[in-house]
C-alpha atoms as a PDB file:
ATOM      1  CA  MET A   1    -117.378 -21.052  -0.636  1.00  0.00           C
ATOM      2  CA  THR A   2    -115.627 -24.105  -2.147  1.00  0.00           C
ATOM      3  CA  VAL A   3    -112.169 -23.402  -3.552  1.00  0.00           C
ATOM      4  CA  SER A   4    -111.409 -25.101  -6.873  1.00  0.00           C
ATOM      5  CA  ILE A   5    -108.261 -25.947  -8.821  1.00  0.00           C
ATOM      6  CA  ALA A   6    -109.132 -23.047 -11.121  1.00  0.00           C
ATOM      7  CA  ASP A   7    -109.005 -20.665  -8.152  1.00  0.00           C
ATOM      8  CA  VAL A   8    -105.607 -21.995  -7.133  1.00  0.00           C
ATOM      9  CA  ALA A   9    -104.312 -21.733 -10.693  1.00  0.00           C
ATOM     10  CA  GLN A  10    -105.490 -18.132 -10.994  1.00  0.00           C
ATOM     11  CA  ARG A  11    -103.887 -17.128  -7.668  1.00  0.00           C
ATOM     12  CA  ALA A  12    -100.600 -18.868  -8.572  1.00  0.00           C
ATOM     13  CA  GLY A  13    -100.547 -17.563 -12.136  1.00  0.00           C
ATOM     14  CA  VAL A  14    -100.291 -21.034 -13.666  1.00  0.00           C
ATOM     15  CA  SER A  15    -102.556 -23.351 -15.650  1.00  0.00           C
ATOM     16  CA  ARG A  16    -104.950 -25.810 -14.028  1.00  0.00           C
ATOM     17  CA  THR A  17    -102.860 -28.584 -15.566  1.00  0.00           C
ATOM     18  CA  THR A  18     -99.808 -27.362 -13.654  1.00  0.00           C
ATOM     19  CA  VAL A  19    -101.772 -27.433 -10.390  1.00  0.00           C
ATOM     20  CA  SER A  20    -102.864 -30.999 -11.162  1.00  0.00           C
ATOM     21  CA  HIS A  21     -99.256 -32.022 -11.805  1.00  0.00           C
ATOM     22  CA  VAL A  22     -98.167 -30.540  -8.464  1.00  0.00           C
ATOM     23  CA  LEU A  23    -100.940 -32.451  -6.673  1.00  0.00           C
ATOM     24  CA  SER A  24    -100.281 -35.785  -8.367  1.00  0.00           C
ATOM     25  CA  GLY A  25     -96.493 -35.597  -8.562  1.00  0.00           C
ATOM     26  CA  ASN A  26     -96.688 -37.535 -11.833  1.00  0.00           C
ATOM     27  CA  ARG A  27     -95.181 -34.822 -14.057  1.00  0.00           C
ATOM     28  CA  PRO A  28     -92.192 -32.536 -13.409  1.00  0.00           C
ATOM     29  CA  VAL A  29     -92.988 -28.931 -12.502  1.00  0.00           C
ATOM     30  CA  SER A  30     -90.399 -26.190 -11.990  1.00  0.00           C
ATOM     31  CA  ALA A  31     -89.538 -25.486  -8.365  1.00  0.00           C
ATOM     32  CA  ALA A  32     -90.713 -21.873  -8.703  1.00  0.00           C
ATOM     33  CA  ALA A  33     -94.106 -22.846 -10.144  1.00  0.00           C
ATOM     34  CA  ALA A  34     -94.582 -25.602  -7.554  1.00  0.00           C
ATOM     35  CA  GLU A  35     -93.843 -23.147  -4.758  1.00  0.00           C
ATOM     36  CA  ARG A  36     -96.386 -20.643  -6.126  1.00  0.00           C
ATOM     37  CA  VAL A  37     -99.012 -23.399  -6.303  1.00  0.00           C
ATOM     38  CA  ARG A  38     -98.357 -24.526  -2.739  1.00  0.00           C
ATOM     39  CA  SER A  39     -98.476 -20.939  -1.479  1.00  0.00           C
ATOM     40  CA  ALA A  40    -101.762 -20.345  -3.311  1.00  0.00           C
ATOM     41  CA  MET A  41    -103.264 -23.511  -1.817  1.00  0.00           C
ATOM     42  CA  ALA A  42    -102.227 -22.393   1.681  1.00  0.00           C
ATOM     43  CA  GLU A  43    -103.618 -18.869   1.197  1.00  0.00           C
ATOM     44  CA  LEU A  44    -106.929 -20.137  -0.174  1.00  0.00           C
ATOM     45  CA  ARG A  45    -107.071 -23.081   2.272  1.00  0.00           C
ATOM     46  CA  TYR A  46    -107.568 -25.416  -0.637  1.00  0.00           C
ATOM     47  CA  VAL A  47    -108.178 -29.083   0.236  1.00  0.00           C
ATOM     48  CA  PRO A  48    -107.729 -31.482  -2.728  1.00  0.00           C
ATOM     49  CA  SER A  49    -110.729 -33.655  -3.537  1.00  0.00           C
ATOM     50  CA  ARG A  50    -109.861 -37.282  -2.801  1.00  0.00           C
ATOM     51  CA  ALA A  51    -112.419 -38.442  -5.336  1.00  0.00           C
ATOM     52  CA  ALA A  52    -111.010 -36.202  -8.048  1.00  0.00           C
ATOM     53  CA  GLN A  53    -107.480 -37.363  -7.319  1.00  0.00           C
ATOM     54  CA  SER A  54    -108.591 -40.991  -7.466  1.00  0.00           C
ATOM     55  CA  LEU A  55    -110.140 -40.455 -10.884  1.00  0.00           C
ATOM     56  CA  ALA A  56    -107.048 -38.687 -12.139  1.00  0.00           C
ATOM     57  CA  LEU A  57    -104.605 -41.275 -10.806  1.00  0.00           C
ATOM     58  CA  GLY A  58    -106.721 -44.380 -11.400  1.00  0.00           C
ATOM     59  CA  SER A  59    -106.097 -45.273  -7.756  1.00  0.00           C
ATOM     60  CA  THR A  60    -107.749 -44.540  -4.419  1.00  0.00           C
ATOM     61  CA  ARG A  61    -104.452 -44.947  -2.509  1.00  0.00           C
ATOM     62  CA  THR A  62    -106.554 -46.888  -0.001  1.00  0.00           C
ATOM     63  CA  ILE A  63    -106.174 -50.439   1.332  1.00  0.00           C
ATOM     64  CA  GLY A  64    -108.925 -52.397   3.039  1.00  0.00           C
ATOM     65  CA  LEU A  65    -107.980 -54.426   6.131  1.00  0.00           C
ATOM     66  CA  LEU A  66    -110.295 -57.143   7.445  1.00  0.00           C
ATOM     67  CA  VAL A  67    -109.646 -58.622  10.911  1.00  0.00           C
ATOM     68  CA  PRO A  68    -111.881 -60.947  12.965  1.00  0.00           C
ATOM     69  CA  ASP A  69    -111.579 -59.144  16.325  1.00  0.00           C
ATOM     70  CA  ILE A  70    -109.797 -55.824  16.802  1.00  0.00           C
ATOM     71  CA  SER A  71    -110.194 -56.130  20.603  1.00  0.00           C
ATOM     72  CA  ASN A  72    -107.850 -59.141  20.482  1.00  0.00           C
ATOM     73  CA  GLY A  73    -104.311 -57.850  21.111  1.00  0.00           C
ATOM     74  CA  PHE A  74    -102.873 -60.018  18.346  1.00  0.00           C
ATOM     75  CA  PHE A  75    -105.099 -58.462  15.682  1.00  0.00           C
ATOM     76  CA  ALA A  76    -104.593 -54.970  17.108  1.00  0.00           C
ATOM     77  CA  ASP A  77    -100.822 -55.391  16.708  1.00  0.00           C
ATOM     78  CA  LEU A  78    -101.286 -56.841  13.231  1.00  0.00           C
ATOM     79  CA  ALA A  79    -103.409 -53.829  12.247  1.00  0.00           C
ATOM     80  CA  LYS A  80    -100.707 -51.452  13.524  1.00  0.00           C
ATOM     81  CA  GLY A  81     -98.163 -53.176  11.293  1.00  0.00           C
ATOM     82  CA  VAL A  82    -100.424 -52.888   8.246  1.00  0.00           C
ATOM     83  CA  GLU A  83    -101.216 -49.251   8.965  1.00  0.00           C
ATOM     84  CA  ALA A  84     -97.635 -48.102   9.579  1.00  0.00           C
ATOM     85  CA  THR A  85     -96.297 -49.716   6.398  1.00  0.00           C
ATOM     86  CA  SER A  86     -99.254 -48.557   4.295  1.00  0.00           C
ATOM     87  CA  ILE A  87     -98.834 -44.949   5.419  1.00  0.00           C
ATOM     88  CA  GLU A  88     -95.100 -45.104   4.687  1.00  0.00           C
ATOM     89  CA  ASN A  89     -96.036 -46.068   1.130  1.00  0.00           C
ATOM     90  CA  GLY A  90     -98.685 -43.360   0.718  1.00  0.00           C
ATOM     91  CA  PHE A  91    -101.797 -45.484   1.335  1.00  0.00           C
ATOM     92  CA  ASN A  92    -104.699 -44.995   3.723  1.00  0.00           C
ATOM     93  CA  VAL A  93    -106.224 -47.986   5.537  1.00  0.00           C
ATOM     94  CA  LEU A  94    -109.911 -48.796   6.010  1.00  0.00           C
ATOM     95  CA  LEU A  95    -110.341 -51.144   8.972  1.00  0.00           C
ATOM     96  CA  CYS A  96    -113.205 -53.668   8.969  1.00  0.00           C
ATOM     97  CA  ASN A  97    -113.903 -55.728  12.098  1.00  0.00           C
ATOM     98  CA  THR A  98    -115.665 -58.915  10.968  1.00  0.00           C
ATOM     99  CA  GLY A  99    -116.478 -60.519  14.343  1.00  0.00           C
ATOM    100  CA  TRP A 100    -115.634 -64.072  13.180  1.00  0.00           C
ATOM    101  CA  ASN A 101    -118.746 -63.857  11.022  1.00  0.00           C
ATOM    102  CA  LEU A 102    -118.792 -65.170   7.443  1.00  0.00           C
ATOM    103  CA  GLU A 103    -121.713 -62.989   6.338  1.00  0.00           C
ATOM    104  CA  ARG A 104    -119.974 -59.885   7.628  1.00  0.00           C
ATOM    105  CA  GLU A 105    -116.742 -60.849   5.850  1.00  0.00           C
ATOM    106  CA  VAL A 106    -118.632 -61.218   2.578  1.00  0.00           C
ATOM    107  CA  PHE A 107    -120.420 -57.906   3.158  1.00  0.00           C
ATOM    108  CA  TYR A 108    -117.185 -56.037   3.801  1.00  0.00           C
ATOM    109  CA  LEU A 109    -115.390 -57.563   0.818  1.00  0.00           C
ATOM    110  CA  GLU A 110    -118.292 -56.706  -1.478  1.00  0.00           C
ATOM    111  CA  THR A 111    -118.401 -53.165  -0.079  1.00  0.00           C
ATOM    112  CA  LEU A 112    -114.653 -52.629  -0.401  1.00  0.00           C
ATOM    113  CA  ARG A 113    -114.618 -53.843  -3.994  1.00  0.00           C
ATOM    114  CA  SER A 114    -117.597 -51.658  -4.927  1.00  0.00           C
ATOM    115  CA  ARG A 115    -115.968 -48.624  -3.317  1.00  0.00           C
ATOM    116  CA  ALA A 116    -112.867 -49.323  -5.405  1.00  0.00           C
ATOM    117  CA  VAL A 117    -110.139 -49.669  -2.801  1.00  0.00           C
ATOM    118  CA  ASP A 118    -106.874 -50.620  -4.451  1.00  0.00           C
ATOM    119  CA  GLY A 119    -106.555 -53.930  -2.615  1.00  0.00           C
ATOM    120  CA  VAL A 120    -107.228 -55.878   0.573  1.00  0.00           C
ATOM    121  CA  VAL A 121    -105.228 -57.365   3.428  1.00  0.00           C
ATOM    122  CA  TYR A 122    -107.411 -60.171   4.733  1.00  0.00           C
ATOM    123  CA  ALA A 123    -107.114 -61.881   8.129  1.00  0.00           C
ATOM    124  CA  SER A 124    -109.626 -64.688   7.880  1.00  0.00           C
ATOM    125  CA  GLY A 125    -112.152 -65.540  10.540  1.00  0.00           C
ATOM    126  CA  SER A 126    -113.998 -68.108   8.430  1.00  0.00           C
ATOM    127  CA  PRO A 127    -113.195 -71.470   6.876  1.00  0.00           C
ATOM    128  CA  PRO A 128    -111.114 -70.805   3.723  1.00  0.00           C
ATOM    129  CA  ALA A 129    -113.289 -73.143   1.660  1.00  0.00           C
ATOM    130  CA  ALA A 130    -116.203 -70.676   1.787  1.00  0.00           C
ATOM    131  CA  SER A 131    -116.865 -70.293  -1.952  1.00  0.00           C
ATOM    132  CA  LYS A 132    -118.159 -66.727  -1.796  1.00  0.00           C
ATOM    133  CA  LEU A 133    -114.964 -65.566  -0.103  1.00  0.00           C
ATOM    134  CA  ALA A 134    -112.864 -67.331  -2.722  1.00  0.00           C
ATOM    135  CA  GLU A 135    -114.864 -65.630  -5.465  1.00  0.00           C
ATOM    136  CA  LEU A 136    -114.458 -62.167  -3.928  1.00  0.00           C
ATOM    137  CA  LEU A 137    -110.728 -62.541  -3.298  1.00  0.00           C
ATOM    138  CA  SER A 138    -109.850 -64.043  -6.672  1.00  0.00           C
ATOM    139  CA  GLY A 139    -108.877 -61.655  -9.447  1.00  0.00           C
ATOM    140  CA  PHE A 140    -108.452 -58.762  -6.994  1.00  0.00           C
ATOM    141  CA  PRO A 141    -105.236 -57.488  -5.375  1.00  0.00           C
ATOM    142  CA  ALA A 142    -105.259 -59.243  -1.998  1.00  0.00           C
ATOM    143  CA  VAL A 143    -102.911 -60.679   0.603  1.00  0.00           C
ATOM    144  CA  ALA A 144    -103.977 -63.228   3.203  1.00  0.00           C
ATOM    145  CA  VAL A 145    -102.345 -62.706   6.599  1.00  0.00           C
ATOM    146  CA  ASP A 146    -102.259 -65.091   9.577  1.00  0.00           C
ATOM    147  CA  GLU A 147    -104.326 -67.713   7.723  1.00  0.00           C
ATOM    148  CA  ALA A 148    -103.509 -69.615   4.541  1.00  0.00           C
ATOM    149  CA  LEU A 149    -106.406 -69.888   2.110  1.00  0.00           C
ATOM    150  CA  PRO A 150    -106.169 -73.233   0.294  1.00  0.00           C
ATOM    151  CA  GLY A 151    -107.727 -73.106  -3.137  1.00  0.00           C
ATOM    152  CA  VAL A 152    -107.566 -69.297  -3.320  1.00  0.00           C
ATOM    153  CA  SER A 153    -104.745 -67.840  -5.402  1.00  0.00           C
ATOM    154  CA  VAL A 154    -103.516 -65.043  -3.133  1.00  0.00           C
ATOM    155  CA  THR A 155    -100.192 -64.204  -1.541  1.00  0.00           C
ATOM    156  CA  SER A 156    -100.050 -65.233   2.128  1.00  0.00           C
ATOM    157  CA  VAL A 157     -98.020 -64.052   5.139  1.00  0.00           C
ATOM    158  CA  LEU A 158     -98.114 -66.480   8.059  1.00  0.00           C
ATOM    159  CA  SER A 159     -96.342 -67.658  11.190  1.00  0.00           C
ATOM    160  CA  LYS A 160     -94.649 -71.029  11.529  1.00  0.00           C
ATOM    161  CA  ASN A 161     -97.642 -72.394  13.411  1.00  0.00           C
ATOM    162  CA  ARG A 162     -96.774 -76.084  13.266  1.00  0.00           C
ATOM    163  CA  GLN A 163     -93.326 -75.340  14.647  1.00  0.00           C
ATOM    164  CA  GLY A 164     -94.973 -73.269  17.378  1.00  0.00           C
ATOM    165  CA  GLY A 165     -97.032 -76.269  18.471  1.00  0.00           C
ATOM    166  CA  ARG A 166     -93.917 -78.442  18.515  1.00  0.00           C
ATOM    167  CA  VAL A 167     -92.018 -75.894  20.600  1.00  0.00           C
ATOM    168  CA  ALA A 168     -94.848 -75.709  23.155  1.00  0.00           C
ATOM    169  CA  ALA A 169     -94.908 -79.511  23.465  1.00  0.00           C
ATOM    170  CA  ASP A 170     -91.123 -79.791  23.762  1.00  0.00           C
ATOM    171  CA  HIS A 171     -91.094 -77.213  26.566  1.00  0.00           C
ATOM    172  CA  LEU A 172     -93.699 -79.100  28.612  1.00  0.00           C
ATOM    173  CA  LEU A 173     -92.027 -82.438  27.936  1.00  0.00           C
ATOM    174  CA  SER A 174     -88.688 -81.030  29.107  1.00  0.00           C
ATOM    175  CA  LEU A 175     -90.354 -80.177  32.429  1.00  0.00           C
ATOM    176  CA  GLY A 176     -91.417 -83.797  32.890  1.00  0.00           C
ATOM    177  CA  HIS A 177     -95.081 -83.499  31.909  1.00  0.00           C
ATOM    178  CA  ARG A 178     -96.615 -86.597  30.370  1.00  0.00           C
ATOM    179  CA  GLY A 179    -100.331 -85.769  30.525  1.00  0.00           C
ATOM    180  CA  ALA A 180    -101.478 -82.749  28.517  1.00  0.00           C
ATOM    181  CA  ALA A 181    -104.549 -81.199  26.927  1.00  0.00           C
ATOM    182  CA  VAL A 182    -104.980 -78.686  24.118  1.00  0.00           C
ATOM    183  CA  VAL A 183    -107.865 -76.212  24.477  1.00  0.00           C
ATOM    184  CA  GLY A 184    -109.441 -73.647  22.154  1.00  0.00           C
ATOM    185  CA  VAL A 185    -109.076 -75.904  19.120  1.00  0.00           C
ATOM    186  CA  ASN A 186    -110.796 -74.797  15.910  1.00  0.00           C
ATOM    187  CA  THR A 187    -109.454 -76.910  13.070  1.00  0.00           C
ATOM    188  CA  HIS A 188    -111.552 -75.064  10.488  1.00  0.00           C
ATOM    189  CA  LEU A 189    -108.734 -72.509  10.496  1.00  0.00           C
ATOM    190  CA  ALA A 190    -105.397 -73.658   9.124  1.00  0.00           C
ATOM    191  CA  SER A 191    -103.266 -71.867  11.736  1.00  0.00           C
ATOM    192  CA  ASN A 192    -105.098 -73.568  14.588  1.00  0.00           C
ATOM    193  CA  ALA A 193    -105.002 -76.976  12.943  1.00  0.00           C
ATOM    194  CA  GLN A 194    -101.247 -76.615  12.390  1.00  0.00           C
ATOM    195  CA  ARG A 195    -100.594 -75.671  16.033  1.00  0.00           C
ATOM    196  CA  LEU A 196    -102.550 -78.717  17.173  1.00  0.00           C
ATOM    197  CA  ASN A 197    -100.767 -80.955  14.662  1.00  0.00           C
ATOM    198  CA  GLY A 198     -97.322 -79.759  15.738  1.00  0.00           C
ATOM    199  CA  PHE A 199     -98.127 -80.281  19.421  1.00  0.00           C
ATOM    200  CA  GLN A 200     -99.663 -83.720  18.915  1.00  0.00           C
ATOM    201  CA  THR A 201     -96.784 -84.919  16.748  1.00  0.00           C
ATOM    202  CA  GLN A 202     -94.210 -84.123  19.432  1.00  0.00           C
ATOM    203  CA  TRP A 203     -96.397 -85.376  22.271  1.00  0.00           C
ATOM    204  CA  ARG A 204     -97.073 -88.729  20.642  1.00  0.00           C
ATOM    205  CA  LYS A 205     -93.425 -89.148  19.707  1.00  0.00           C
ATOM    206  CA  ALA A 206     -92.369 -88.664  23.341  1.00  0.00           C
ATOM    207  CA  THR A 207     -95.208 -90.350  25.230  1.00  0.00           C
ATOM    208  CA  GLY A 208     -96.779 -92.781  22.792  1.00  0.00           C
ATOM    209  CA  ARG A 209    -100.189 -91.145  23.132  1.00  0.00           C
ATOM    210  CA  ARG A 210    -101.994 -88.040  22.003  1.00  0.00           C
ATOM    211  CA  ALA A 211    -102.896 -85.081  24.199  1.00  0.00           C
ATOM    212  CA  LEU A 212    -106.557 -84.570  25.045  1.00  0.00           C
ATOM    213  CA  VAL A 213    -108.371 -82.000  22.883  1.00  0.00           C
ATOM    214  CA  VAL A 214    -111.113 -79.556  23.891  1.00  0.00           C
ATOM    215  CA  ASN A 215    -112.614 -77.660  20.952  1.00  0.00           C
ATOM    216  CA  GLY A 216    -113.344 -73.961  21.296  1.00  0.00           C
ATOM    217  CA  SER A 217    -112.666 -70.504  19.953  1.00  0.00           C
ATOM    218  CA  PHE A 218    -110.355 -67.564  20.570  1.00  0.00           C
ATOM    219  CA  ASP A 219    -111.552 -65.839  23.728  1.00  0.00           C
ATOM    220  CA  GLU A 220    -111.174 -66.111  27.496  1.00  0.00           C
ATOM    221  CA  GLU A 221    -114.539 -67.781  28.060  1.00  0.00           C
ATOM    222  CA  SER A 222    -113.648 -70.553  25.636  1.00  0.00           C
ATOM    223  CA  GLY A 223    -110.396 -71.164  27.510  1.00  0.00           C
ATOM    224  CA  ALA A 224    -112.233 -71.144  30.846  1.00  0.00           C
ATOM    225  CA  HIS A 225    -114.774 -73.628  29.471  1.00  0.00           C
ATOM    226  CA  GLY A 226    -111.954 -75.913  28.334  1.00  0.00           C
ATOM    227  CA  ALA A 227    -110.291 -75.781  31.746  1.00  0.00           C
ATOM    228  CA  ARG A 228    -113.543 -76.544  33.577  1.00  0.00           C
ATOM    229  CA  ALA A 229    -114.056 -79.575  31.328  1.00  0.00           C
ATOM    230  CA  LEU A 230    -110.663 -80.891  32.468  1.00  0.00           C
ATOM    231  CA  LEU A 231    -110.932 -80.324  36.229  1.00  0.00           C
ATOM    232  CA  THR A 232    -111.463 -83.984  37.141  1.00  0.00           C
ATOM    233  CA  LYS A 233    -108.460 -85.086  35.066  1.00  0.00           C
ATOM    234  CA  ILE A 234    -106.293 -82.314  36.511  1.00  0.00           C
ATOM    235  CA  ARG A 235    -107.201 -83.197  40.093  1.00  0.00           C
ATOM    236  CA  SER A 236    -106.448 -86.870  39.433  1.00  0.00           C
ATOM    237  CA  GLY A 237    -103.047 -86.020  37.943  1.00  0.00           C
ATOM    238  CA  GLU A 238    -103.964 -87.355  34.505  1.00  0.00           C
ATOM    239  CA  VAL A 239    -103.505 -83.854  33.047  1.00  0.00           C
ATOM    240  CA  THR A 240    -100.702 -81.666  34.407  1.00  0.00           C
ATOM    241  CA  ALA A 241    -100.282 -79.244  31.502  1.00  0.00           C
ATOM    242  CA  ILE A 242    -102.542 -77.294  29.142  1.00  0.00           C
ATOM    243  CA  PHE A 243    -101.626 -75.747  25.795  1.00  0.00           C
ATOM    244  CA  ALA A 244    -104.093 -73.054  24.731  1.00  0.00           C
ATOM    245  CA  THR A 245    -103.929 -72.209  21.032  1.00  0.00           C
ATOM    246  CA  ASN A 246    -104.017 -68.454  21.764  1.00  0.00           C
ATOM    247  CA  ASP A 247    -103.202 -66.201  24.718  1.00  0.00           C
ATOM    248  CA  LEU A 248    -106.765 -65.092  25.469  1.00  0.00           C
ATOM    249  CA  GLY A 249    -107.765 -68.735  25.833  1.00  0.00           C
ATOM    250  CA  ALA A 250    -104.770 -69.347  28.099  1.00  0.00           C
ATOM    251  CA  LEU A 251    -105.794 -66.449  30.347  1.00  0.00           C
ATOM    252  CA  GLY A 252    -109.274 -67.981  30.587  1.00  0.00           C
ATOM    253  CA  VAL A 253    -107.683 -71.309  31.556  1.00  0.00           C
ATOM    254  CA  ILE A 254    -105.656 -69.700  34.352  1.00  0.00           C
ATOM    255  CA  SER A 255    -108.699 -67.829  35.675  1.00  0.00           C
ATOM    256  CA  ALA A 256    -110.902 -70.955  35.733  1.00  0.00           C
ATOM    257  CA  LEU A 257    -108.207 -73.050  37.409  1.00  0.00           C
ATOM    258  CA  ARG A 258    -107.686 -70.379  40.059  1.00  0.00           C
ATOM    259  CA  ASP A 259    -111.433 -70.280  40.749  1.00  0.00           C
ATOM    260  CA  ALA A 260    -111.355 -74.069  41.166  1.00  0.00           C
ATOM    261  CA  GLY A 261    -108.510 -73.909  43.692  1.00  0.00           C
ATOM    262  CA  ILE A 262    -105.897 -75.300  41.290  1.00  0.00           C
ATOM    263  CA  ASN A 263    -102.533 -73.539  41.424  1.00  0.00           C
ATOM    264  CA  VAL A 264    -100.741 -72.553  38.214  1.00  0.00           C
ATOM    265  CA  PRO A 265     -98.036 -73.758  37.729  1.00  0.00           C
ATOM    266  CA  ARG A 266     -97.670 -75.987  40.821  1.00  0.00           C
ATOM    267  CA  ASP A 267    -100.649 -78.201  39.978  1.00  0.00           C
ATOM    268  CA  CYS A 268    -100.972 -77.493  36.248  1.00  0.00           C
ATOM    269  CA  SER A 269     -98.713 -75.654  33.789  1.00  0.00           C
ATOM    270  CA  VAL A 270    -100.243 -73.442  31.092  1.00  0.00           C
ATOM    271  CA  VAL A 271     -98.778 -72.359  27.723  1.00  0.00           C
ATOM    272  CA  GLY A 272    -100.379 -69.879  25.318  1.00  0.00           C
ATOM    273  CA  PHE A 273     -99.720 -68.721  21.785  1.00  0.00           C
ATOM    274  CA  ASP A 274     -99.201 -65.093  20.564  1.00  0.00           C
ATOM    275  CA  ASP A 275     -97.255 -63.242  23.311  1.00  0.00           C
ATOM    276  CA  SER A 276     -99.845 -60.509  23.668  1.00  0.00           C
ATOM    277  CA  LEU A 277     -99.396 -57.625  26.101  1.00  0.00           C
ATOM    278  CA  ALA A 278    -101.906 -59.295  28.425  1.00  0.00           C
ATOM    279  CA  ALA A 279     -99.706 -62.405  28.584  1.00  0.00           C
ATOM    280  CA  ARG A 280     -96.866 -60.417  30.107  1.00  0.00           C
ATOM    281  CA  HIS A 281     -99.073 -58.975  32.840  1.00  0.00           C
ATOM    282  CA  ALA A 282    -101.060 -62.111  33.677  1.00  0.00           C
ATOM    283  CA  ASN A 283    -100.936 -63.656  37.146  1.00  0.00           C
ATOM    284  CA  PRO A 284     -98.767 -65.634  36.836  1.00  0.00           C
ATOM    285  CA  PRO A 285     -97.083 -64.197  33.735  1.00  0.00           C
ATOM    286  CA  LEU A 286     -97.828 -66.494  30.806  1.00  0.00           C
ATOM    287  CA  THR A 287     -95.365 -68.792  29.081  1.00  0.00           C
ATOM    288  CA  THR A 288     -96.286 -68.509  25.416  1.00  0.00           C
ATOM    289  CA  VAL A 289     -95.179 -68.963  21.833  1.00  0.00           C
ATOM    290  CA  ARG A 290     -94.462 -65.541  20.405  1.00  0.00           C
ATOM    291  CA  GLN A 291     -95.486 -64.690  16.866  1.00  0.00           C
ATOM    292  CA  ASP A 292     -94.652 -61.327  15.329  1.00  0.00           C
ATOM    293  CA  ALA A 293     -98.114 -59.879  14.727  1.00  0.00           C
ATOM    294  CA  ALA A 294     -96.920 -56.397  13.789  1.00  0.00           C
ATOM    295  CA  GLY A 295     -94.259 -57.892  11.542  1.00  0.00           C
ATOM    296  CA  MET A 296     -96.840 -60.034   9.772  1.00  0.00           C
ATOM    297  CA  GLY A 297     -99.021 -56.964   9.221  1.00  0.00           C
ATOM    298  CA  ALA A 298     -96.079 -54.998   7.849  1.00  0.00           C
ATOM    299  CA  ARG A 299     -95.013 -57.807   5.509  1.00  0.00           C
ATOM    300  CA  ALA A 300     -98.594 -58.239   4.280  1.00  0.00           C
ATOM    301  CA  ALA A 301     -98.856 -54.528   3.492  1.00  0.00           C
ATOM    302  CA  GLU A 302     -95.486 -54.614   1.725  1.00  0.00           C
ATOM    303  CA  ALA A 303     -96.646 -57.571  -0.373  1.00  0.00           C
ATOM    304  CA  LEU A 304     -99.861 -55.788  -1.352  1.00  0.00           C
ATOM    305  CA  VAL A 305     -98.042 -52.564  -2.242  1.00  0.00           C
ATOM    306  CA  ALA A 306     -95.658 -54.631  -4.384  1.00  0.00           C
ATOM    307  CA  GLN A 307     -98.636 -56.170  -6.214  1.00  0.00           C
ATOM    308  CA  LEU A 308    -100.139 -52.744  -6.817  1.00  0.00           C
ATOM    309  CA  SER A 309     -96.864 -51.471  -8.244  1.00  0.00           C
ATOM    310  CA  GLY A 310     -96.694 -54.374 -10.699  1.00  0.00           C
ATOM    311  CA  SER A 311     -94.180 -56.539  -8.834  1.00  0.00           C
ATOM    312  CA  ALA A 312     -94.638 -60.189  -7.942  1.00  0.00           C
ATOM    313  CA  PRO A 313     -94.184 -60.785  -4.189  1.00  0.00           C
ATOM    314  CA  ASP A 314     -93.274 -64.198  -2.802  1.00  0.00           C
ATOM    315  CA  PRO A 315     -96.436 -66.354  -2.889  1.00  0.00           C
ATOM    316  CA  LYS A 316     -95.927 -67.436   0.736  1.00  0.00           C
ATOM    317  CA  THR A 317     -93.921 -66.027   3.631  1.00  0.00           C
ATOM    318  CA  ALA A 318     -93.749 -67.754   7.027  1.00  0.00           C
ATOM    319  CA  LEU A 319     -92.291 -65.716   9.890  1.00  0.00           C
ATOM    320  CA  PRO A 320     -90.410 -67.387  12.752  1.00  0.00           C
ATOM    321  CA  ILE A 321     -91.844 -68.032  16.215  1.00  0.00           C
ATOM    322  CA  GLN A 322     -90.127 -67.985  19.617  1.00  0.00           C
ATOM    323  CA  LEU A 323     -90.880 -69.628  22.948  1.00  0.00           C
ATOM    324  CA  ILE A 324     -91.145 -67.089  25.774  1.00  0.00           C
ATOM    325  CA  VAL A 325     -90.813 -68.808  29.149  1.00  0.00           C
ATOM    326  CA  ARG A 326     -92.497 -67.145  32.109  1.00  0.00           C
ATOM    327  CA  ALA A 327     -93.959 -68.240  35.436  1.00  0.00           C
ATOM    328  CA  SER A 328     -97.035 -70.202  34.226  1.00  0.00           C
ATOM    329  CA  THR A 329     -94.992 -73.369  33.589  1.00  0.00           C
ATOM    330  CA  ALA A 330     -92.990 -75.475  36.037  1.00  0.00           C
ATOM    331  CA  THR A 331     -91.755 -79.007  36.664  1.00  0.00           C
ATOM    332  CA  ALA A 332     -94.548 -81.593  36.546  1.00  0.00           C
ATOM    333  CA  PRO A 333     -96.063 -82.634  39.891  1.00  0.00           C
ATOM    334  CA  ALA A 334     -94.412 -85.717  41.352  1.00  0.00           C
ATOM    335  CA  ASN A 335     -97.706 -87.622  41.571  1.00  0.00           C
ATOM    336  CA  GLN A 336     -98.568 -87.596  37.871  1.00  0.00           C
END
């Protein structure tokens, strides 16, 4: 038999209104009455109705989180940051894995809005100019994380991606490399375009020419494809270093080069971007640009909670990056 608030009130010897105040915490209740209510709930095994509480409070205490690929360590860490901070602030999190698919992003945003979540933390997997996304995100509490959304008026929490590209280039240049390629490039996404821009700016400044570019996506196979496309130039010494715009792509590069009999880093140095757990355990361990995924998730959740409480968070926050040097980079070959 379902236990109601009326049953709890009768057992505790208080009004139903008093029970509601104990559940919501919005009105003061004497310590003695609150204790009787809690004891009655325990005795009757009463479980508050989430729907009823939402109606009473005008809030679901739930945040939607959209990420492109939860199997990617970067997005898994980002989700942990969102979840931990949301729970600390009394919010649940609904996770939606969009699979880099625009239609699925639109579907999830429409569903979340119709189910009346309080707001959304959105890690984009689609070009920000997609008009339907802009329409769904506008006029709704939302924070963009990892990707800026030009033309959409939402708070954003990002990494210093352009600086990350510059740092990767400077590291390779300091090792004597003068022929480089960038793989896994998808300039539809602002973060990726900024990493490429930062790398190319430094490379051209130092060498007078741009690095080669191989377009792709954010998985190992894309990185492997990029490496295979460069094999002739690597064997000739024209390319001695590869910057992959994310760690999964960098791991694919290393795997493909190994299969082709090219030693990393003796014959070709490889740099990634993220500092995922996999990067630390790669063979060889991956030199990479670290971004604070969990920190970005936490800051995005904080910004959304601030919006929901009526505050105005900073419109844009960019978290610092850091070069992590490991064994996948070395001095350029003498024959380049």
